[in-house]
Amino acid sequence: MLARIVVTVTVVLALAACTPGSEPSASPSDTASLTAAPTPSATVSPSATPSPSASGSPTAAALDCPPWDDGYHPDGPAAIDFHRYAGICVGMSFAEASGTFGGPPLEGDPSCPWVTTIVEAGDLYISAISDPDAPGDAIMFFHALYYADPAAATEMPATAEGITIGSSEAEVYAAYPGAFENTFDDISRGPRTQIVVPGPAGMGLVFDLSDGLVWEITWGDGLDDGVGGEFCAL
């Protein structure tokens, strides 16, 4: 199951540019609950493994990968954007990203070398995913998962619009008027409801919902239609 993948690499770091999550009453489940979208939207079934956009994976330099010093700066860039997490950007290799926060080199588990954990902080895990055919060569997208109750989440990394783990469905739609609902039966995980925010060059922000709250975020290249399946499926 996607939500239970934990790679062995551990990097402990301060969560920069964070925003406390919303706190409506809810509890997470192993599969996202099906909730009605505030606006009508299409239902799509994404492929199990996202592929780079037609224009290819943009380089970190082309997408203005910001410098990062592990501190909190109210006027600095948000932690989560379409093409990056903090100072780690789409197109970077695991080796290039290793120096962003210090600590040991970023590497994937031998059984799943294309996935590496870049944050392990309590119940929050953030991973970078590269192409399985070229493990670690270029990051394609990122994944954040919170194992505890999203209603109680605080100090989570957020987008520039303030959306994070624990944000409500209504808050996501208010922040992103162009978002749409993606509801499908994931062969690996069962029913899922996502809010997808299409971005530039085929990139996207994908917010998985549980009882109307965001509890999982996937973002990066090839995600403008949503995401499904398991990252470490054989």
Protein backbone atom coordinates (compact mmCIF):
# COMPACT_ATOMS: atom_id res chain seq x y z
CA MET A 1 0.00 0.00 0.00
CA LEU A 2 1.32 3.41 -1.02
CA ALA A 3 0.55 5.02 2.31
CA ARG A 4 2.73 2.58 4.18
CA ILE A 5 5.95 2.85 2.16
CA VAL A 6 8.83 4.03 4.33
CA VAL A 7 12.33 4.03 2.86
CA THR A 8 15.28 3.40 5.15
CA VAL A 9 17.10 6.67 4.46
CA THR A 10 16.41 9.20 7.24
CA VAL A 11 17.15 12.90 7.22
CA VAL A 12 16.11 14.96 10.24
CA LEU A 13 15.58 18.63 9.48
CA ALA A 14 13.58 21.64 10.54
CA LEU A 15 10.44 22.19 8.47
CA ALA A 16 10.89 25.56 6.82
CA ALA A 17 8.11 27.91 5.71
CA CYS A 18 5.42 25.97 7.57
CA THR A 19 1.78 26.81 8.18
CA PRO A 20 -0.33 25.20 10.94
CA GLY A 21 -3.02 22.88 9.54
CA SER A 22 -6.74 23.42 9.96
CA GLU A 23 -8.37 21.57 12.83
CA PRO A 24 -11.86 20.31 11.91
CA SER A 25 -12.87 17.08 13.61
CA ALA A 26 -11.91 14.03 11.56
CA SER A 27 -9.71 10.95 11.62
CA PRO A 28 -7.67 9.42 8.78
CA SER A 29 -8.46 6.05 7.25
CA ASP A 30 -6.41 3.64 5.16
CA THR A 31 -8.23 4.81 2.05
CA ALA A 32 -9.43 8.31 1.27
CA SER A 33 -13.11 8.85 1.96
CA LEU A 34 -15.40 9.77 -0.93
CA THR A 35 -16.75 13.25 -0.39
CA ALA A 36 -18.80 15.51 -2.62
CA ALA A 37 -16.84 18.19 -4.43
CA PRO A 38 -17.95 21.80 -4.02
CA THR A 39 -18.13 22.10 -7.81
CA PRO A 40 -18.89 19.53 -10.54
CA SER A 41 -15.78 17.95 -11.96
CA ALA A 42 -14.58 15.16 -14.19
CA THR A 43 -13.50 11.77 -12.87
CA VAL A 44 -10.29 10.34 -14.25
CA SER A 45 -8.25 7.23 -13.58
CA PRO A 46 -4.54 8.13 -13.53
CA SER A 47 -1.81 5.68 -14.43
CA ALA A 48 -0.02 3.85 -11.65
CA THR A 49 3.28 5.60 -12.32
CA PRO A 50 3.31 9.24 -13.50
CA SER A 51 5.51 9.97 -16.49
CA PRO A 52 7.42 13.13 -17.32
CA SER A 53 5.51 15.77 -19.25
CA ALA A 54 5.77 16.02 -23.02
CA SER A 55 8.27 18.82 -22.63
CA GLY A 56 10.45 16.60 -20.44
CA SER A 57 11.47 17.08 -16.82
CA PRO A 58 12.55 20.72 -16.53
CA THR A 59 15.93 21.30 -14.94
CA ALA A 60 16.22 22.85 -11.50
CA ALA A 61 17.94 25.91 -12.98
CA ALA A 62 15.17 26.47 -15.54
CA LEU A 63 12.57 26.42 -12.76
CA ASP A 64 14.44 28.79 -10.45
CA CYS A 65 15.25 26.37 -7.67
CA PRO A 66 15.52 28.65 -4.62
CA PRO A 67 18.39 28.57 -2.15
CA TRP A 68 17.42 27.16 1.22
CA ASP A 69 19.10 27.55 4.60
CA ASP A 70 16.85 25.42 6.81
CA GLY A 71 15.48 28.50 8.57
CA TYR A 72 12.05 30.10 8.70
CA HIS A 73 11.72 33.25 6.64
CA PRO A 74 8.24 34.81 6.40
CA ASP A 75 9.16 36.51 3.13
CA GLY A 76 10.95 33.51 1.65
CA PRO A 77 9.57 30.87 -0.73
CA ALA A 78 6.92 28.42 0.46
CA ALA A 79 8.10 24.91 1.27
CA ILE A 80 5.86 23.25 -1.36
CA ASP A 81 5.56 24.39 -4.96
CA PHE A 82 4.75 22.58 -8.20
CA HIS A 83 8.40 21.82 -8.95
CA ARG A 84 10.09 21.55 -5.55
CA TYR A 85 10.15 20.84 -1.84
CA ALA A 86 12.16 23.59 -0.09
CA GLY A 87 15.51 23.69 -1.90
CA ILE A 88 15.15 20.29 -3.59
CA CYS A 89 13.75 20.60 -7.10
CA VAL A 90 12.42 18.49 -9.93
CA GLY A 91 15.32 17.49 -12.17
CA MET A 92 17.86 17.23 -9.35
CA SER A 93 19.55 13.89 -8.81
CA PHE A 94 19.52 12.28 -5.37
CA ALA A 95 23.23 13.13 -5.13
CA GLU A 96 22.61 16.83 -5.95
CA ALA A 97 19.75 17.01 -3.44
CA SER A 98 21.81 15.39 -0.69
CA GLY A 99 23.59 18.61 0.22
CA THR A 100 20.41 20.67 0.65
CA PHE A 101 19.85 19.96 4.34
CA GLY A 102 23.09 18.26 5.28
CA GLY A 103 23.07 14.81 6.80
CA PRO A 104 23.82 11.52 5.05
CA PRO A 105 23.51 11.12 1.25
CA LEU A 106 19.99 10.56 -0.09
CA GLU A 107 19.65 7.02 -1.37
CA GLY A 108 16.81 4.65 -2.07
CA ASP A 109 16.29 1.31 -0.40
CA PRO A 110 17.83 -1.54 -2.43
CA SER A 111 14.34 -2.94 -3.05
CA CYS A 112 13.06 0.47 -4.27
CA PRO A 113 16.08 2.57 -5.27
CA TRP A 114 14.05 5.20 -7.15
CA VAL A 115 12.41 6.49 -3.92
CA THR A 116 14.25 8.29 -1.12
CA THR A 117 12.98 9.80 2.13
CA ILE A 118 14.01 13.44 2.55
CA VAL A 119 12.02 14.17 5.73
CA GLU A 120 11.13 11.88 8.62
CA ALA A 121 9.73 14.03 11.44
CA GLY A 122 7.37 12.32 13.84
CA ASP A 123 4.37 11.15 11.83
CA LEU A 124 5.32 13.15 8.73
CA TYR A 125 7.27 11.55 5.88
CA ILE A 126 8.27 13.37 2.69
CA SER A 127 9.84 11.43 -0.17
CA ALA A 128 11.36 12.24 -3.56
CA ILE A 129 10.59 9.88 -6.43
CA SER A 130 12.73 9.41 -9.52
CA ASP A 131 12.23 7.33 -12.68
CA PRO A 132 12.33 3.58 -11.86
CA ASP A 133 14.29 3.07 -15.09
CA ALA A 134 16.97 5.50 -13.88
CA PRO A 135 16.88 5.37 -10.07
CA GLY A 136 18.14 8.54 -8.42
CA ASP A 137 19.14 10.26 -11.66
CA ALA A 138 16.43 12.96 -11.72
CA ILE A 139 13.62 13.63 -9.25
CA MET A 140 10.21 13.56 -10.94
CA PHE A 141 7.91 14.40 -8.04
CA PHE A 142 7.47 14.50 -4.26
CA HIS A 143 5.12 12.83 -1.79
CA ALA A 144 4.12 13.87 1.75
CA LEU A 145 2.18 11.56 4.05
CA TYR A 146 1.00 12.12 7.60
CA TYR A 147 0.29 8.95 9.58
CA ALA A 148 -1.64 10.57 12.44
CA ASP A 149 -4.98 12.43 12.54
CA PRO A 150 -4.76 15.31 10.03
CA ALA A 151 -7.18 17.33 12.18
CA ALA A 152 -4.45 17.55 14.82
CA ALA A 153 -1.60 18.34 12.42
CA THR A 154 0.43 21.47 13.21
CA GLU A 155 3.54 23.10 11.75
CA MET A 156 3.25 21.27 8.44
CA PRO A 157 5.06 22.39 5.27
CA ALA A 158 2.61 24.34 3.11
CA THR A 159 2.11 25.80 -0.35
CA ALA A 160 2.28 29.55 -0.97
CA GLU A 161 -1.53 29.56 -0.69
CA GLY A 162 -1.33 28.03 2.80
CA ILE A 163 -2.61 24.55 1.89
CA THR A 164 -1.08 21.73 3.91
CA ILE A 165 -1.80 18.51 5.79
CA GLY A 166 -5.05 19.12 7.70
CA SER A 167 -6.48 21.71 5.28
CA SER A 168 -10.14 21.18 4.46
CA GLU A 169 -11.61 20.38 1.07
CA ALA A 170 -13.29 23.80 0.99
CA GLU A 171 -9.98 25.54 1.76
CA VAL A 172 -8.26 23.76 -1.14
CA TYR A 173 -10.94 24.81 -3.63
CA ALA A 174 -10.90 28.37 -2.31
CA ALA A 175 -7.13 28.55 -2.72
CA TYR A 176 -7.15 26.96 -6.19
CA PRO A 177 -10.26 27.88 -8.24
CA GLY A 178 -8.95 25.86 -11.20
CA ALA A 179 -8.75 22.60 -9.22
CA PHE A 180 -10.89 19.58 -10.05
CA GLU A 181 -11.96 16.40 -8.26
CA ASN A 182 -10.44 13.05 -9.20
CA THR A 183 -12.36 10.09 -7.76
CA PHE A 184 -11.36 6.56 -8.76
CA ASP A 185 -10.90 3.00 -7.50
CA ASP A 186 -7.16 2.53 -7.07
CA ILE A 187 -6.27 -1.11 -7.78
CA SER A 188 -3.58 -0.91 -5.08
CA ARG A 189 -5.46 1.08 -2.43
CA GLY A 190 -9.18 1.06 -3.10
CA PRO A 191 -11.40 4.16 -3.46
CA ARG A 192 -9.56 7.49 -3.50
CA THR A 193 -10.74 11.09 -3.72
CA GLN A 194 -8.22 13.69 -4.77
CA ILE A 195 -8.23 17.39 -5.58
CA VAL A 196 -5.91 18.04 -8.50
CA VAL A 197 -4.39 21.44 -9.24
CA PRO A 198 -2.85 21.52 -12.75
CA GLY A 199 0.34 23.53 -13.02
CA PRO A 200 2.88 24.58 -15.65
CA ALA A 201 4.56 22.12 -18.03
CA GLY A 202 2.37 19.17 -17.03
CA MET A 203 3.08 19.56 -13.33
CA GLY A 204 0.44 19.31 -10.64
CA LEU A 205 -0.44 19.39 -6.95
CA VAL A 206 -2.51 16.40 -5.84
CA PHE A 207 -4.28 16.48 -2.45
CA ASP A 208 -5.69 13.15 -1.21
CA LEU A 209 -8.65 13.55 1.15
CA SER A 210 -9.72 11.60 4.20
CA ASP A 211 -13.04 12.63 5.76
CA GLY A 212 -12.82 15.97 3.97
CA LEU A 213 -9.26 16.79 5.11
CA VAL A 214 -5.94 16.68 3.28
CA TRP A 215 -3.80 13.88 4.68
CA GLU A 216 -1.52 13.17 1.71
CA ILE A 217 0.07 15.45 -0.91
CA THR A 218 1.85 14.46 -4.12
CA TRP A 219 3.34 17.10 -6.40
CA GLY A 220 5.69 17.49 -9.33
CA ASP A 221 6.06 16.50 -12.99
CA GLY A 222 3.39 14.46 -14.80
CA LEU A 223 0.73 14.88 -12.09
CA ASP A 224 -1.72 17.25 -13.80
CA ASP A 225 -4.32 14.42 -13.99
CA GLY A 226 -3.75 12.98 -10.50
CA VAL A 227 -1.76 10.02 -9.25
CA GLY A 228 -2.51 6.39 -8.42
CA GLY A 229 -0.85 3.09 -7.59
CA GLU A 230 2.15 2.28 -5.44
CA PHE A 231 5.48 4.01 -5.84
CA CYS A 232 7.46 0.89 -4.99
CA ALA A 233 5.33 -1.68 -6.83
CA LEU A 234 7.41 -4.34 -8.55
